[in-house]
PDB file of N, CA and C in Angstrom:
ATOM      1  N   THR A   1     129.554  96.985 -15.139  1.00  0.00           N
ATOM      2  CA  THR A   1     129.787  97.394 -16.554  1.00  0.00           C
ATOM      3  C   THR A   1     131.450  97.509 -16.853  1.00  0.00           C
ATOM      4  N   ALA A   2     132.155  98.065 -16.072  1.00  0.00           N
ATOM      5  CA  ALA A   2     133.624  98.354 -16.239  1.00  0.00           C
ATOM      6  C   ALA A   2     134.429  97.074 -16.263  1.00  0.00           C
ATOM      7  N   ILE A   3     133.910  96.197 -15.874  1.00  0.00           N
ATOM      8  CA  ILE A   3     134.317  94.901 -15.517  1.00  0.00           C
ATOM      9  C   ILE A   3     134.344  94.125 -17.148  1.00  0.00           C
ATOM     10  N   LYS A   4     133.156  94.222 -17.608  1.00  0.00           N
ATOM     11  CA  LYS A   4     132.559  93.742 -18.768  1.00  0.00           C
ATOM     12  C   LYS A   4     133.642  94.636 -19.805  1.00  0.00           C
ATOM     13  N   ASN A   5     133.716  95.605 -19.653  1.00  0.00           N
ATOM     14  CA  ASN A   5     134.315  96.326 -20.752  1.00  0.00           C
ATOM     15  C   ASN A   5     135.863  95.585 -20.824  1.00  0.00           C
ATOM     16  N   LEU A   6     136.379  95.711 -19.392  1.00  0.00           N
ATOM     17  CA  LEU A   6     137.751  94.956 -19.108  1.00  0.00           C
ATOM     18  C   LEU A   6     138.031  93.784 -19.486  1.00  0.00           C
ATOM     19  N   LEU A   7     137.029  93.109 -19.577  1.00  0.00           N
ATOM     20  CA  LEU A   7     136.866  91.802 -20.146  1.00  0.00           C
ATOM     21  C   LEU A   7     137.024  91.588 -21.604  1.00  0.00           C
ATOM     22  N   LYS A   8     136.299  92.584 -22.245  1.00  0.00           N
ATOM     23  CA  LYS A   8     136.195  92.568 -23.554  1.00  0.00           C
ATOM     24  C   LYS A   8     137.775  92.799 -24.276  1.00  0.00           C
ATOM     25  N   LEU A   9     138.176  94.089 -23.519  1.00  0.00           N
ATOM     26  CA  LEU A   9     139.054  94.712 -23.752  1.00  0.00           C
ATOM     27  C   LEU A   9     140.401  93.603 -23.849  1.00  0.00           C
ATOM     28  N   ASN A  10     140.355  92.792 -22.932  1.00  0.00           N
ATOM     29  CA  ASN A  10     141.299  91.670 -22.177  1.00  0.00           C
ATOM     30  C   ASN A  10     141.166  90.425 -23.457  1.00  0.00           C
ATOM     31  N   SER A  11     140.003  90.343 -23.956  1.00  0.00           N
ATOM     32  CA  SER A  11     139.891  89.393 -25.080  1.00  0.00           C
ATOM     33  C   SER A  11     140.496  90.064 -26.398  1.00  0.00           C
ATOM     34  N   VAL A  12     140.177  91.409 -26.316  1.00  0.00           N
ATOM     35  CA  VAL A  12     140.974  91.728 -27.835  1.00  0.00           C
ATOM     36  C   VAL A  12     142.185  91.703 -27.927  1.00  0.00           C
ATOM     37  N   VAL A  13     143.003  92.008 -26.747  1.00  0.00           N
ATOM     38  CA  VAL A  13     144.377  92.335 -26.489  1.00  0.00           C
ATOM     39  C   VAL A  13     145.002  90.586 -26.780  1.00  0.00           C
ATOM     40  N   LEU A  14     144.348  89.620 -26.029  1.00  0.00           N
ATOM     41  CA  LEU A  14     144.985  88.256 -25.960  1.00  0.00           C
ATOM     42  C   LEU A  14     144.779  87.906 -27.616  1.00  0.00           C
ATOM     43  N   LEU A  15     143.523  88.240 -28.359  1.00  0.00           N
ATOM     44  CA  LEU A  15     143.257  87.842 -29.528  1.00  0.00           C
ATOM     45  C   LEU A  15     144.410  88.649 -30.649  1.00  0.00           C
ATOM     46  N   ILE A  16     144.700  89.857 -30.488  1.00  0.00           N
ATOM     47  CA  ILE A  16     145.970  90.574 -31.173  1.00  0.00           C
ATOM     48  C   ILE A  16     147.116  89.487 -30.834  1.00  0.00           C
ATOM     49  N   PHE A  17     147.743  89.470 -29.655  1.00  0.00           N
ATOM     50  CA  PHE A  17     148.658  88.646 -29.389  1.00  0.00           C
ATOM     51  C   PHE A  17     148.719  87.450 -29.984  1.00  0.00           C
ATOM     52  N   HIS A  18     147.721  86.804 -30.099  1.00  0.00           N
ATOM     53  CA  HIS A  18     147.735  85.571 -30.704  1.00  0.00           C
ATOM     54  C   HIS A  18     148.185  85.703 -32.391  1.00  0.00           C
ATOM     55  N   LEU A  19     147.534  86.751 -32.776  1.00  0.00           N
ATOM     56  CA  LEU A  19     147.749  87.068 -34.360  1.00  0.00           C
ATOM     57  C   LEU A  19     149.216  87.469 -34.472  1.00  0.00           C
ATOM     58  N   ILE A  20     149.879  88.298 -33.558  1.00  0.00           N
ATOM     59  CA  ILE A  20     151.104  88.411 -33.588  1.00  0.00           C
ATOM     60  C   ILE A  20     151.730  87.367 -33.602  1.00  0.00           C
ATOM     61  N   ILE A  21     151.437  86.251 -32.750  1.00  0.00           N
ATOM     62  CA  ILE A  21     152.735  85.168 -32.557  1.00  0.00           C
ATOM     63  C   ILE A  21     152.679  84.393 -33.664  1.00  0.00           C
ATOM     64  N   LEU A  22     151.091  84.306 -34.135  1.00  0.00           N
ATOM     65  CA  LEU A  22     150.793  83.497 -35.745  1.00  0.00           C
ATOM     66  C   LEU A  22     151.660  84.092 -36.651  1.00  0.00           C
ATOM     67  N   ILE A  23     151.645  85.225 -36.996  1.00  0.00           N
ATOM     68  CA  ILE A  23     152.202  86.242 -37.623  1.00  0.00           C
ATOM     69  C   ILE A  23     153.967  85.775 -38.229  1.00  0.00           C
ATOM     70  N   VAL A  24     154.720  86.014 -36.509  1.00  0.00           N
ATOM     71  CA  VAL A  24     156.034  86.011 -36.637  1.00  0.00           C
ATOM     72  C   VAL A  24     156.098  84.363 -36.525  1.00  0.00           C
ATOM     73  N   ASN A  25     155.608  83.472 -36.530  1.00  0.00           N
ATOM     74  CA  ASN A  25     155.952  82.007 -36.797  1.00  0.00           C
ATOM     75  C   ASN A  25     155.572  81.845 -38.217  1.00  0.00           C
ATOM     76  N   ILE A  26     154.885  82.365 -38.925  1.00  0.00           N
ATOM     77  CA  ILE A  26     154.762  82.026 -40.611  1.00  0.00           C
ATOM     78  C   ILE A  26     155.894  82.792 -40.637  1.00  0.00           C
ATOM     79  N   VAL A  27     156.481  83.745 -40.767  1.00  0.00           N
ATOM     80  CA  VAL A  27     157.451  84.655 -40.844  1.00  0.00           C
ATOM     81  C   VAL A  27     158.734  83.831 -40.616  1.00  0.00           C
ATOM     82  N   LYS A  28     158.651  83.197 -39.563  1.00  0.00           N
ATOM     83  CA  LYS A  28     160.321  82.334 -39.531  1.00  0.00           C
ATOM     84  C   LYS A  28     159.979  81.205 -40.145  1.00  0.00           C
ATOM     85  N   PHE A  29     158.838  80.439 -40.492  1.00  0.00           N
ATOM     86  CA  PHE A  29     158.987  79.292 -41.053  1.00  0.00           C
ATOM     87  C   PHE A  29     159.228  79.582 -42.503  1.00  0.00           C
ATOM     88  N   LYS A  30     158.661  80.941 -43.162  1.00  0.00           N
ATOM     89  CA  LYS A  30     158.931  81.075 -44.403  1.00  0.00           C
ATOM     90  C   LYS A  30     160.497  81.158 -44.561  1.00  0.00           C
ATOM     91  N   LYS A  31     161.053  81.653 -43.636  1.00  0.00           N
ATOM     92  CA  LYS A  31     162.496  81.915 -43.852  1.00  0.00           C
ATOM     93  C   LYS A  31     163.304  80.499 -43.647  1.00  0.00           C
ATOM     94  N   LEU A  32     162.912  79.919 -42.585  1.00  0.00           N
ATOM     95  CA  LEU A  32     163.632  78.856 -42.723  1.00  0.00           C
ATOM     96  C   LEU A  32     163.509  77.788 -43.572  1.00  0.00           C
ATOM     97  N   ASN A  33     162.323  77.750 -44.336  1.00  0.00           N
ATOM     98  CA  ASN A  33     161.866  76.944 -45.456  1.00  0.00           C
ATOM     99  C   ASN A  33     163.007  77.797 -46.817  1.00  0.00           C
ATOM    100  N   THR A  34     163.265  78.828 -46.932  1.00  0.00           N
ATOM    101  CA  THR A  34     164.086  79.535 -47.810  1.00  0.00           C
ATOM    102  C   THR A  34     165.172  79.145 -47.738  1.00  0.00           C
ATOM    103  N   GLU A  35     165.975  79.334 -46.635  1.00  0.00           N
ATOM    104  CA  GLU A  35     167.158  78.849 -45.900  1.00  0.00           C
ATOM    105  C   GLU A  35     166.962  77.340 -46.411  1.00  0.00           C
ATOM    106  N   TYR A  36     166.453  76.393 -45.997  1.00  0.00           N
ATOM    107  CA  TYR A  36     166.741  75.278 -46.165  1.00  0.00           C
ATOM    108  C   TYR A  36     166.628  75.106 -48.085  1.00  0.00           C
ATOM    109  N   GLN A  37     165.805  75.614 -48.498  1.00  0.00           N
ATOM    110  CA  GLN A  37     165.498  75.548 -50.136  1.00  0.00           C
ATOM    111  C   GLN A  37     166.956  75.821 -50.496  1.00  0.00           C
ATOM    112  N   ILE A  38     167.585  76.899 -50.186  1.00  0.00           N
ATOM    113  CA  ILE A  38     168.934  77.482 -50.722  1.00  0.00           C
ATOM    114  C   ILE A  38     169.800  76.377 -50.399  1.00  0.00           C
ATOM    115  N   PHE A  39     170.142  75.807 -49.315  1.00  0.00           N
ATOM    116  CA  PHE A  39     170.875  75.008 -48.764  1.00  0.00           C
ATOM    117  C   PHE A  39     170.704  73.610 -49.774  1.00  0.00           C
ATOM    118  N   TYR A  40     169.578  73.253 -49.817  1.00  0.00           N
ATOM    119  CA  TYR A  40     169.343  71.971 -50.606  1.00  0.00           C
ATOM    120  C   TYR A  40     169.824  72.128 -52.208  1.00  0.00           C
ATOM    121  N   ASN A  41     169.481  73.044 -52.877  1.00  0.00           N
ATOM    122  CA  ASN A  41     170.164  73.440 -54.066  1.00  0.00           C
ATOM    123  C   ASN A  41     171.506  73.753 -54.281  1.00  0.00           C
ATOM    124  N   CYS A  42     172.267  74.238 -53.235  1.00  0.00           N
ATOM    125  CA  CYS A  42     173.717  74.314 -53.183  1.00  0.00           C
ATOM    126  C   CYS A  42     174.234  72.558 -52.923  1.00  0.00           C
ATOM    127  N   MET A  43     173.407  72.076 -52.147  1.00  0.00           N
ATOM    128  CA  MET A  43     173.881  70.672 -52.088  1.00  0.00           C
ATOM    129  C   MET A  43     174.019  69.791 -53.251  1.00  0.00           C
ATOM    130  N   ASN A  44     172.964  69.982 -53.963  1.00  0.00           N
ATOM    131  CA  ASN A  44     172.278  68.950 -55.273  1.00  0.00           C
ATOM    132  C   ASN A  44     173.114  69.569 -56.586  1.00  0.00           C
ATOM    133  N   ARG A  45     174.046  70.753 -56.365  1.00  0.00           N
ATOM    134  CA  ARG A  45     174.676  71.020 -57.505  1.00  0.00           C
ATOM    135  C   ARG A  45     176.049  70.436 -57.881  1.00  0.00           C
TER     136      ARG A  45
END
């Protein structure tokens, strides 16, 4: 049972880890997107 609990914990940690990576990537992408928009707007003026 201890090994089963450890595996459960491990899968939860992996899930959280993947969620964090996903959030970080979304934030980075949005930041890049806004920077690109600002750059694009400056070039079009």
